[in-house]
């Protein structure tokens, strides 16, 4: 029984390590988003760019070969896009004040 629990704990530790890496990458992404919003404001460009999002989703979808998780991963990508837009709007409105 202990061996099974040990294996489960190792698997959970691997997931926690991956989650930390994802959070680090998302933090880096948000730093870039800050630069993007600055550029967009300076050049009077809308925050939302549906064509670009669709292009990226199609591009990423091409690389996702696991059919079982592909749709879920695309949902995650869409969520990241949506959160990034919210963040850009927050930054944009904060700058206007």
PDB file of N, CA and C in Angstrom:
ATOM      1  N   UNK A   1       0.824  -1.207   0.000  1.00  0.00           N
ATOM      2  CA  UNK A   1       0.000   0.000   0.000  1.00  0.00           C
ATOM      3  C   UNK A   1       0.862   1.262   0.000  1.00  0.00           C
ATOM      4  N   UNK A   2       1.944   1.231   0.772  1.00  0.00           N
ATOM      5  CA  UNK A   2       2.798   2.417   0.843  1.00  0.00           C
ATOM      6  C   UNK A   2       3.423   2.730  -0.514  1.00  0.00           C
ATOM      7  N   UNK A   3       3.806   1.694  -1.263  1.00  0.00           N
ATOM      8  CA  UNK A   3       4.406   1.908  -2.575  1.00  0.00           C
ATOM      9  C   UNK A   3       3.439   2.613  -3.517  1.00  0.00           C
ATOM     10  N   UNK A   4       2.161   2.217  -3.461  1.00  0.00           N
ATOM     11  CA  UNK A   4       1.154   2.866  -4.312  1.00  0.00           C
ATOM     12  C   UNK A   4       1.008   4.337  -3.945  1.00  0.00           C
ATOM     13  N   UNK A   5       0.992   4.617  -2.658  1.00  0.00           N
ATOM     14  CA  UNK A   5       0.882   6.006  -2.203  1.00  0.00           C
ATOM     15  C   UNK A   5       2.120   6.786  -2.606  1.00  0.00           C
ATOM     16  N   UNK A   6       3.284   6.154  -2.500  1.00  0.00           N
ATOM     17  CA  UNK A   6       4.530   6.806  -2.905  1.00  0.00           C
ATOM     18  C   UNK A   6       4.517   7.160  -4.371  1.00  0.00           C
ATOM     19  N   UNK A   7       4.024   6.254  -5.212  1.00  0.00           N
ATOM     20  CA  UNK A   7       3.922   6.524  -6.654  1.00  0.00           C
ATOM     21  C   UNK A   7       2.959   7.666  -6.933  1.00  0.00           C
ATOM     22  N   UNK A   8       1.830   7.673  -6.217  1.00  0.00           N
ATOM     23  CA  UNK A   8       0.853   8.739  -6.386  1.00  0.00           C
ATOM     24  C   UNK A   8       1.458  10.081  -5.978  1.00  0.00           C
ATOM     25  N   UNK A   9       2.183  10.088  -4.876  1.00  0.00           N
ATOM     26  CA  UNK A   9       2.824  11.325  -4.416  1.00  0.00           C
ATOM     27  C   UNK A   9       3.845  11.831  -5.427  1.00  0.00           C
ATOM     28  N   UNK A  10       4.610  10.917  -6.038  1.00  0.00           N
ATOM     29  CA  UNK A  10       5.579  11.320  -7.064  1.00  0.00           C
ATOM     30  C   UNK A  10       4.877  11.935  -8.262  1.00  0.00           C
ATOM     31  N   UNK A  11       3.780  11.320  -8.681  1.00  0.00           N
ATOM     32  CA  UNK A  11       3.019  11.859  -9.801  1.00  0.00           C
ATOM     33  C   UNK A  11       2.477  13.247  -9.463  1.00  0.00           C
ATOM     34  N   UNK A  12       1.966  13.410  -8.245  1.00  0.00           N
ATOM     35  CA  UNK A  12       1.453  14.715  -7.822  1.00  0.00           C
ATOM     36  C   UNK A  12       2.569  15.758  -7.757  1.00  0.00           C
ATOM     37  N   UNK A  13       3.736  15.349  -7.319  1.00  0.00           N
ATOM     38  CA  UNK A  13       4.874  16.271  -7.284  1.00  0.00           C
ATOM     39  C   UNK A  13       5.239  16.718  -8.698  1.00  0.00           C
ATOM     40  N   UNK A  14       5.170  15.796  -9.644  1.00  0.00           N
ATOM     41  CA  UNK A  14       5.434  16.149 -11.044  1.00  0.00           C
ATOM     42  C   UNK A  14       4.420  17.168 -11.551  1.00  0.00           C
ATOM     43  N   UNK A  15       3.167  16.967 -11.196  1.00  0.00           N
ATOM     44  CA  UNK A  15       2.131  17.919 -11.611  1.00  0.00           C
ATOM     45  C   UNK A  15       2.389  19.279 -10.971  1.00  0.00           C
ATOM     46  N   UNK A  16       2.740  19.300  -9.695  1.00  0.00           N
ATOM     47  CA  UNK A  16       3.019  20.563  -9.016  1.00  0.00           C
ATOM     48  C   UNK A  16       4.204  21.281  -9.653  1.00  0.00           C
ATOM     49  N   UNK A  17       5.217  20.528 -10.051  1.00  0.00           N
ATOM     50  CA  UNK A  17       6.370  21.119 -10.734  1.00  0.00           C
ATOM     51  C   UNK A  17       5.929  21.737 -12.061  1.00  0.00           C
ATOM     52  N   UNK A  18       5.115  21.007 -12.810  1.00  0.00           N
ATOM     53  CA  UNK A  18       4.607  21.527 -14.085  1.00  0.00           C
ATOM     54  C   UNK A  18       3.742  22.760 -13.868  1.00  0.00           C
ATOM     55  N   UNK A  19       2.911  22.742 -12.825  1.00  0.00           N
ATOM     56  CA  UNK A  19       2.074  23.902 -12.526  1.00  0.00           C
ATOM     57  C   UNK A  19       2.924  25.130 -12.222  1.00  0.00           C
ATOM     58  N   UNK A  20       4.005  24.959 -11.475  1.00  0.00           N
ATOM     59  CA  UNK A  20       4.905  26.083 -11.186  1.00  0.00           C
ATOM     60  C   UNK A  20       5.510  26.622 -12.476  1.00  0.00           C
ATOM     61  N   UNK A  21       5.910  25.722 -13.366  1.00  0.00           N
ATOM     62  CA  UNK A  21       6.480  26.144 -14.646  1.00  0.00           C
ATOM     63  C   UNK A  21       5.450  26.902 -15.483  1.00  0.00           C
ATOM     64  N   UNK A  22       4.215  26.438 -15.469  1.00  0.00           N
ATOM     65  CA  UNK A  22       3.143  27.121 -16.199  1.00  0.00           C
ATOM     66  C   UNK A  22       2.944  28.518 -15.629  1.00  0.00           C
ATOM     67  N   UNK A  23       2.934  28.637 -14.304  1.00  0.00           N
ATOM     68  CA  UNK A  23       2.755  29.950 -13.677  1.00  0.00           C
ATOM     69  C   UNK A  23       3.901  30.900 -14.014  1.00  0.00           C
ATOM     70  N   UNK A  24       5.111  30.378 -14.050  1.00  0.00           N
ATOM     71  CA  UNK A  24       6.258  31.205 -14.434  1.00  0.00           C
ATOM     72  C   UNK A  24       6.094  31.693 -15.871  1.00  0.00           C
ATOM     73  N   UNK A  25       5.691  30.804 -16.757  1.00  0.00           N
ATOM     74  CA  UNK A  25       5.495  31.189 -18.164  1.00  0.00           C
ATOM     75  C   UNK A  25       4.346  32.189 -18.320  1.00  0.00           C
ATOM     76  N   UNK A  26       3.274  32.006 -17.562  1.00  0.00           N
ATOM     77  CA  UNK A  26       2.166  32.955 -17.640  1.00  0.00           C
ATOM     78  C   UNK A  26       2.582  34.324 -17.104  1.00  0.00           C
ATOM     79  N   UNK A  27       3.402  34.334 -16.075  1.00  0.00           N
ATOM     80  CA  UNK A  27       3.917  35.600 -15.551  1.00  0.00           C
ATOM     81  C   UNK A  27       4.746  36.308 -16.615  1.00  0.00           C
ATOM     82  N   UNK A  28       5.589  35.562 -17.311  1.00  0.00           N
ATOM     83  CA  UNK A  28       6.374  36.142 -18.407  1.00  0.00           C
ATOM     84  C   UNK A  28       5.455  36.648 -19.510  1.00  0.00           C
ATOM     85  N   UNK A  29       4.409  35.897 -19.784  1.00  0.00           N
ATOM     86  CA  UNK A  29       3.452  36.301 -20.823  1.00  0.00           C
ATOM     87  C   UNK A  29       2.808  37.636 -20.460  1.00  0.00           C
ATOM     88  N   UNK A  30       2.427  37.801 -19.193  1.00  0.00           N
ATOM     89  CA  UNK A  30       1.793  39.042 -18.764  1.00  0.00           C
ATOM     90  C   UNK A  30       2.746  40.227 -18.833  1.00  0.00           C
ATOM     91  N   UNK A  31       4.024  39.992 -18.623  1.00  0.00           N
ATOM     92  CA  UNK A  31       4.996  41.073 -18.802  1.00  0.00           C
ATOM     93  C   UNK A  31       5.008  41.538 -20.258  1.00  0.00           C
ATOM     94  N   UNK A  32       4.911  40.580 -21.166  1.00  0.00           N
ATOM     95  CA  UNK A  32       4.870  40.915 -22.590  1.00  0.00           C
ATOM     96  C   UNK A  32       3.565  41.628 -22.923  1.00  0.00           C
ATOM     97  N   UNK A  33       2.465  41.186 -22.308  1.00  0.00           N
ATOM     98  CA  UNK A  33       1.174  41.837 -22.528  1.00  0.00           C
ATOM     99  C   UNK A  33       1.263  43.313 -22.147  1.00  0.00           C
ATOM    100  N   UNK A  34       1.967  43.609 -21.067  1.00  0.00           N
ATOM    101  CA  UNK A  34       2.155  45.012 -20.670  1.00  0.00           C
ATOM    102  C   UNK A  34       2.831  45.806 -21.785  1.00  0.00           C
ATOM    103  N   UNK A  35       3.814  45.219 -22.402  1.00  0.00           N
ATOM    104  CA  UNK A  35       4.511  45.896 -23.496  1.00  0.00           C
ATOM    105  C   UNK A  35       3.589  46.049 -24.708  1.00  0.00           C
ATOM    106  N   UNK A  36       2.771  45.034 -24.942  1.00  0.00           N
ATOM    107  CA  UNK A  36       1.848  45.080 -26.077  1.00  0.00           C
ATOM    108  C   UNK A  36       0.817  46.185 -25.884  1.00  0.00           C
ATOM    109  N   UNK A  37       0.257  46.300 -24.689  1.00  0.00           N
ATOM    110  CA  UNK A  37      -0.752  47.332 -24.468  1.00  0.00           C
ATOM    111  C   UNK A  37      -0.137  48.713 -24.624  1.00  0.00           C
ATOM    112  N   UNK A  38       1.088  48.873 -24.187  1.00  0.00           N
ATOM    113  CA  UNK A  38       1.772  50.154 -24.365  1.00  0.00           C
ATOM    114  C   UNK A  38       1.913  50.472 -25.855  1.00  0.00           C
ATOM    115  N   UNK A  39       2.331  49.491 -26.630  1.00  0.00           N
ATOM    116  CA  UNK A  39       2.475  49.670 -28.076  1.00  0.00           C
ATOM    117  C   UNK A  39       1.126  49.998 -28.723  1.00  0.00           C
ATOM    118  N   UNK A  40       0.098  49.238 -28.341  1.00  0.00           N
ATOM    119  CA  UNK A  40      -1.223  49.452 -28.925  1.00  0.00           C
ATOM    120  C   UNK A  40      -1.745  50.849 -28.610  1.00  0.00           C
ATOM    121  N   UNK A  41      -1.526  51.299 -27.396  1.00  0.00           N
ATOM    122  CA  UNK A  41      -1.993  52.641 -27.032  1.00  0.00           C
ATOM    123  C   UNK A  41      -1.237  53.709 -27.814  1.00  0.00           C
ATOM    124  N   UNK A  42       0.040  53.535 -27.946  1.00  0.00           N
ATOM    125  CA  UNK A  42       0.849  54.517 -28.669  1.00  0.00           C
ATOM    126  C   UNK A  42       0.479  54.577 -30.145  1.00  0.00           C
ATOM    127  N   UNK A  43      -0.009  53.463 -30.674  1.00  0.00           N
ATOM    128  CA  UNK A  43      -0.316  53.380 -32.100  1.00  0.00           C
ATOM    129  C   UNK A  43      -1.811  53.294 -32.393  1.00  0.00           C
ATOM    130  N   UNK A  44      -2.606  53.558 -31.363  1.00  0.00           N
ATOM    131  CA  UNK A  44      -4.063  53.594 -31.508  1.00  0.00           C
ATOM    132  C   UNK A  44      -4.609  52.298 -32.140  1.00  0.00           C
ATOM    133  N   UNK A  45      -4.220  51.175 -31.591  1.00  0.00           N
ATOM    134  CA  UNK A  45      -4.650  49.858 -32.080  1.00  0.00           C
ATOM    135  C   UNK A  45      -5.603  49.253 -31.057  1.00  0.00           C
ATOM    136  N   UNK A  46      -6.703  48.664 -31.542  1.00  0.00           N
ATOM    137  CA  UNK A  46      -7.676  48.022 -30.654  1.00  0.00           C
ATOM    138  C   UNK A  46      -7.040  46.869 -29.883  1.00  0.00           C
ATOM    139  N   UNK A  47      -7.548  46.649 -28.689  1.00  0.00           N
ATOM    140  CA  UNK A  47      -7.049  45.545 -27.859  1.00  0.00           C
ATOM    141  C   UNK A  47      -7.397  44.202 -28.489  1.00  0.00           C
ATOM    142  N   UNK A  48      -8.645  44.078 -28.912  1.00  0.00           N
ATOM    143  CA  UNK A  48      -9.117  42.804 -29.436  1.00  0.00           C
ATOM    144  C   UNK A  48      -8.715  42.637 -30.890  1.00  0.00           C
ATOM    145  N   UNK A  49      -8.199  41.448 -31.206  1.00  0.00           N
ATOM    146  CA  UNK A  49      -7.855  41.124 -32.582  1.00  0.00           C
ATOM    147  C   UNK A  49      -8.286  39.681 -32.836  1.00  0.00           C
ATOM    148  N   UNK A  50      -9.547  39.516 -33.185  1.00  0.00           N
ATOM    149  CA  UNK A  50     -10.125  38.174 -33.364  1.00  0.00           C
ATOM    150  C   UNK A  50      -9.438  37.377 -34.463  1.00  0.00           C
ATOM    151  N   UNK A  51      -9.028  38.048 -35.523  1.00  0.00           N
ATOM    152  CA  UNK A  51      -8.358  37.335 -36.615  1.00  0.00           C
ATOM    153  C   UNK A  51      -7.043  36.721 -36.137  1.00  0.00           C
ATOM    154  N   UNK A  52      -6.313  37.483 -35.348  1.00  0.00           N
ATOM    155  CA  UNK A  52      -5.036  36.974 -34.845  1.00  0.00           C
ATOM    156  C   UNK A  52      -5.262  35.812 -33.879  1.00  0.00           C
ATOM    157  N   UNK A  53      -6.269  35.932 -33.029  1.00  0.00           N
ATOM    158  CA  UNK A  53      -6.591  34.845 -32.106  1.00  0.00           C
ATOM    159  C   UNK A  53      -6.950  33.574 -32.865  1.00  0.00           C
ATOM    160  N   UNK A  54      -7.771  33.717 -33.878  1.00  0.00           N
ATOM    161  CA  UNK A  54      -8.163  32.554 -34.681  1.00  0.00           C
ATOM    162  C   UNK A  54      -6.945  31.942 -35.365  1.00  0.00           C
ATOM    163  N   UNK A  55      -6.089  32.790 -35.896  1.00  0.00           N
ATOM    164  CA  UNK A  55      -4.854  32.312 -36.515  1.00  0.00           C
ATOM    165  C   UNK A  55      -4.027  31.498 -35.511  1.00  0.00           C
ATOM    166  N   UNK A  56      -3.878  32.023 -34.304  1.00  0.00           N
ATOM    167  CA  UNK A  56      -3.086  31.315 -33.290  1.00  0.00           C
ATOM    168  C   UNK A  56      -3.741  30.009 -32.861  1.00  0.00           C
ATOM    169  N   UNK A  57      -5.047  30.035 -32.654  1.00  0.00           N
ATOM    170  CA  UNK A  57      -5.727  28.792 -32.259  1.00  0.00           C
ATOM    171  C   UNK A  57      -5.564  27.716 -33.325  1.00  0.00           C
ATOM    172  N   UNK A  58      -5.683  28.108 -34.581  1.00  0.00           N
ATOM    173  CA  UNK A  58      -5.489  27.138 -35.663  1.00  0.00           C
ATOM    174  C   UNK A  58      -4.053  26.626 -35.691  1.00  0.00           C
ATOM    175  N   UNK A  59      -3.131  27.543 -35.505  1.00  0.00           N
ATOM    176  CA  UNK A  59      -1.720  27.171 -35.498  1.00  0.00           C
ATOM    177  C   UNK A  59      -1.413  26.202 -34.354  1.00  0.00           C
ATOM    178  N   UNK A  60      -1.891  26.527 -33.169  1.00  0.00           N
ATOM    179  CA  UNK A  60      -1.642  25.662 -32.011  1.00  0.00           C
ATOM    180  C   UNK A  60      -2.369  24.336 -32.154  1.00  0.00           C
ATOM    181  N   UNK A  61      -3.554  24.379 -32.714  1.00  0.00           N
ATOM    182  CA  UNK A  61      -4.337  23.165 -32.905  1.00  0.00           C
ATOM    183  C   UNK A  61      -3.597  22.170 -33.797  1.00  0.00           C
ATOM    184  N   UNK A  62      -2.894  22.697 -34.769  1.00  0.00           N
ATOM    185  CA  UNK A  62      -2.119  21.853 -35.687  1.00  0.00           C
ATOM    186  C   UNK A  62      -1.054  21.048 -34.930  1.00  0.00           C
ATOM    187  N   UNK A  63      -0.452  21.666 -33.909  1.00  0.00           N
ATOM    188  CA  UNK A  63       0.617  21.004 -33.161  1.00  0.00           C
ATOM    189  C   UNK A  63       0.107  20.021 -32.116  1.00  0.00           C
ATOM    190  N   UNK A  64      -1.155  20.126 -31.745  1.00  0.00           N
ATOM    191  CA  UNK A  64      -1.719  19.255 -30.710  1.00  0.00           C
ATOM    192  C   UNK A  64      -2.205  17.962 -31.355  1.00  0.00           C
ATOM    193  N   UNK A  65      -1.501  16.902 -31.100  1.00  0.00           N
ATOM    194  CA  UNK A  65      -1.804  15.630 -31.761  1.00  0.00           C
ATOM    195  C   UNK A  65      -2.695  14.718 -30.919  1.00  0.00           C
ATOM    196  N   UNK A  66      -2.716  14.927 -29.603  1.00  0.00           N
ATOM    197  CA  UNK A  66      -3.514  14.077 -28.728  1.00  0.00           C
ATOM    198  C   UNK A  66      -4.988  14.461 -28.842  1.00  0.00           C
ATOM    199  N   UNK A  67      -5.749  13.634 -29.539  1.00  0.00           N
ATOM    200  CA  UNK A  67      -7.149  13.955 -29.818  1.00  0.00           C
ATOM    201  C   UNK A  67      -7.984  14.045 -28.540  1.00  0.00           C
ATOM    202  N   UNK A  68      -7.611  13.279 -27.520  1.00  0.00           N
ATOM    203  CA  UNK A  68      -8.378  13.292 -26.273  1.00  0.00           C
ATOM    204  C   UNK A  68      -8.290  14.632 -25.559  1.00  0.00           C
ATOM    205  N   UNK A  69      -7.156  15.292 -25.639  1.00  0.00           N
ATOM    206  CA  UNK A  69      -6.980  16.536 -24.896  1.00  0.00           C
ATOM    207  C   UNK A  69      -6.972  17.781 -25.783  1.00  0.00           C
ATOM    208  N   UNK A  70      -6.993  17.604 -27.080  1.00  0.00           N
ATOM    209  CA  UNK A  70      -6.858  18.736 -28.006  1.00  0.00           C
ATOM    210  C   UNK A  70      -7.892  19.835 -27.753  1.00  0.00           C
ATOM    211  N   UNK A  71      -9.167  19.482 -27.690  1.00  0.00           N
ATOM    212  CA  UNK A  71     -10.209  20.485 -27.486  1.00  0.00           C
ATOM    213  C   UNK A  71     -10.069  21.185 -26.144  1.00  0.00           C
ATOM    214  N   UNK A  72      -9.683  20.428 -25.127  1.00  0.00           N
ATOM    215  CA  UNK A  72      -9.489  21.028 -23.806  1.00  0.00           C
ATOM    216  C   UNK A  72      -8.327  22.014 -23.821  1.00  0.00           C
ATOM    217  N   UNK A  73      -7.273  21.648 -24.503  1.00  0.00           N
ATOM    218  CA  UNK A  73      -6.121  22.549 -24.583  1.00  0.00           C
ATOM    219  C   UNK A  73      -6.451  23.813 -25.370  1.00  0.00           C
ATOM    220  N   UNK A  74      -7.256  23.684 -26.392  1.00  0.00           N
ATOM    221  CA  UNK A  74      -7.695  24.863 -27.142  1.00  0.00           C
ATOM    222  C   UNK A  74      -8.561  25.752 -26.250  1.00  0.00           C
ATOM    223  N   UNK A  75      -9.375  25.145 -25.394  1.00  0.00           N
ATOM    224  CA  UNK A  75     -10.169  25.926 -24.439  1.00  0.00           C
ATOM    225  C   UNK A  75      -9.255  26.694 -23.484  1.00  0.00           C
ATOM    226  N   UNK A  76      -8.185  26.060 -23.059  1.00  0.00           N
ATOM    227  CA  UNK A  76      -7.221  26.720 -22.171  1.00  0.00           C
ATOM    228  C   UNK A  76      -6.589  27.905 -22.891  1.00  0.00           C
ATOM    229  N   UNK A  77      -6.206  27.698 -24.132  1.00  0.00           N
ATOM    230  CA  UNK A  77      -5.617  28.789 -24.923  1.00  0.00           C
ATOM    231  C   UNK A  77      -6.612  29.947 -25.032  1.00  0.00           C
ATOM    232  N   UNK A  78      -7.871  29.628 -25.304  1.00  0.00           N
ATOM    233  CA  UNK A  78      -8.893  30.678 -25.399  1.00  0.00           C
ATOM    234  C   UNK A  78      -9.027  31.412 -24.072  1.00  0.00           C
ATOM    235  N   UNK A  79      -8.985  30.679 -22.980  1.00  0.00           N
ATOM    236  CA  UNK A  79      -9.050  31.304 -21.657  1.00  0.00           C
ATOM    237  C   UNK A  79      -7.864  32.234 -21.430  1.00  0.00           C
ATOM    238  N   UNK A  80      -6.703  31.816 -21.850  1.00  0.00           N
ATOM    239  CA  UNK A  80      -5.511  32.662 -21.718  1.00  0.00           C
ATOM    240  C   UNK A  80      -5.694  33.938 -22.549  1.00  0.00           C
ATOM    241  N   UNK A  81      -6.220  33.796 -23.761  1.00  0.00           N
ATOM    242  CA  UNK A  81      -6.489  34.976 -24.593  1.00  0.00           C
ATOM    243  C   UNK A  81      -7.467  35.918 -23.881  1.00  0.00           C
ATOM    244  N   UNK A  82      -8.549  35.348 -23.357  1.00  0.00           N
ATOM    245  CA  UNK A  82      -9.576  36.157 -22.709  1.00  0.00           C
ATOM    246  C   UNK A  82      -9.017  36.884 -21.483  1.00  0.00           C
ATOM    247  N   UNK A  83      -8.244  36.185 -20.689  1.00  0.00           N
ATOM    248  CA  UNK A  83      -7.647  36.794 -19.502  1.00  0.00           C
ATOM    249  C   UNK A  83      -6.636  37.867 -19.905  1.00  0.00           C
ATOM    250  N   UNK A  84      -5.891  37.618 -20.950  1.00  0.00           N
ATOM    251  CA  UNK A  84      -4.933  38.616 -21.436  1.00  0.00           C
ATOM    252  C   UNK A  84      -5.648  39.887 -21.891  1.00  0.00           C
ATOM    253  N   UNK A  85      -6.796  39.725 -22.554  1.00  0.00           N
ATOM    254  CA  UNK A  85      -7.572  40.898 -22.982  1.00  0.00           C
ATOM    255  C   UNK A  85      -8.090  41.666 -21.769  1.00  0.00           C
ATOM    256  N   UNK A  86      -8.560  40.942 -20.756  1.00  0.00           N
ATOM    257  CA  UNK A  86      -9.012  41.597 -19.527  1.00  0.00           C
ATOM    258  C   UNK A  86      -7.861  42.374 -18.889  1.00  0.00           C
ATOM    259  N   UNK A  87      -6.699  41.760 -18.873  1.00  0.00           N
ATOM    260  CA  UNK A  87      -5.523  42.404 -18.299  1.00  0.00           C
ATOM    261  C   UNK A  87      -5.157  43.654 -19.095  1.00  0.00           C
ATOM    262  N   UNK A  88      -5.210  43.563 -20.402  1.00  0.00           N
ATOM    263  CA  UNK A  88      -4.924  44.726 -21.247  1.00  0.00           C
ATOM    264  C   UNK A  88      -5.926  45.849 -20.993  1.00  0.00           C
ATOM    265  N   UNK A  89      -7.193  45.489 -20.860  1.00  0.00           N
ATOM    266  CA  UNK A  89      -8.215  46.502 -20.578  1.00  0.00           C
ATOM    267  C   UNK A  89      -7.972  47.143 -19.216  1.00  0.00           C
ATOM    268  N   UNK A  90      -7.621  46.325 -18.243  1.00  0.00           N
ATOM    269  CA  UNK A  90      -7.316  46.845 -16.903  1.00  0.00           C
ATOM    270  C   UNK A  90      -6.151  47.820 -16.965  1.00  0.00           C
ATOM    271  N   UNK A  91      -5.100  47.423 -17.647  1.00  0.00           N
ATOM    272  CA  UNK A  91      -3.935  48.299 -17.776  1.00  0.00           C
ATOM    273  C   UNK A  91      -4.287  49.573 -18.537  1.00  0.00           C
ATOM    274  N   UNK A  92      -5.071  49.415 -19.558  1.00  0.00           N
ATOM    275  CA  UNK A  92      -5.451  50.561 -20.382  1.00  0.00           C
ATOM    276  C   UNK A  92      -6.291  51.549 -19.579  1.00  0.00           C
ATOM    277  N   UNK A  93      -7.254  51.051 -18.842  1.00  0.00           N
ATOM    278  CA  UNK A  93      -8.109  51.941 -18.060  1.00  0.00           C
ATOM    279  C   UNK A  93      -7.348  52.556 -16.894  1.00  0.00           C
ATOM    280  N   UNK A  94      -6.416  51.841 -16.343  1.00  0.00           N
ATOM    281  CA  UNK A  94      -5.589  52.361 -15.237  1.00  0.00           C
ATOM    282  C   UNK A  94      -4.718  53.499 -15.739  1.00  0.00           C
ATOM    283  N   UNK A  95      -4.213  53.363 -16.940  1.00  0.00           N
ATOM    284  CA  UNK A  95      -3.364  54.408 -17.516  1.00  0.00           C
ATOM    285  C   UNK A  95      -4.141  55.671 -17.834  1.00  0.00           C
ATOM    286  N   UNK A  96      -5.438  55.510 -18.096  1.00  0.00           N
ATOM    287  CA  UNK A  96      -6.272  56.655 -18.459  1.00  0.00           C
ATOM    288  C   UNK A  96      -6.618  57.521 -17.249  1.00  0.00           C
ATOM    289  N   UNK A  97      -6.492  56.957 -16.069  1.00  0.00           N
ATOM    290  CA  UNK A  97      -6.855  57.685 -14.844  1.00  0.00           C
ATOM    291  C   UNK A  97      -5.763  58.596 -14.379  1.00  0.00           C
TER     292      UNK A  97
END
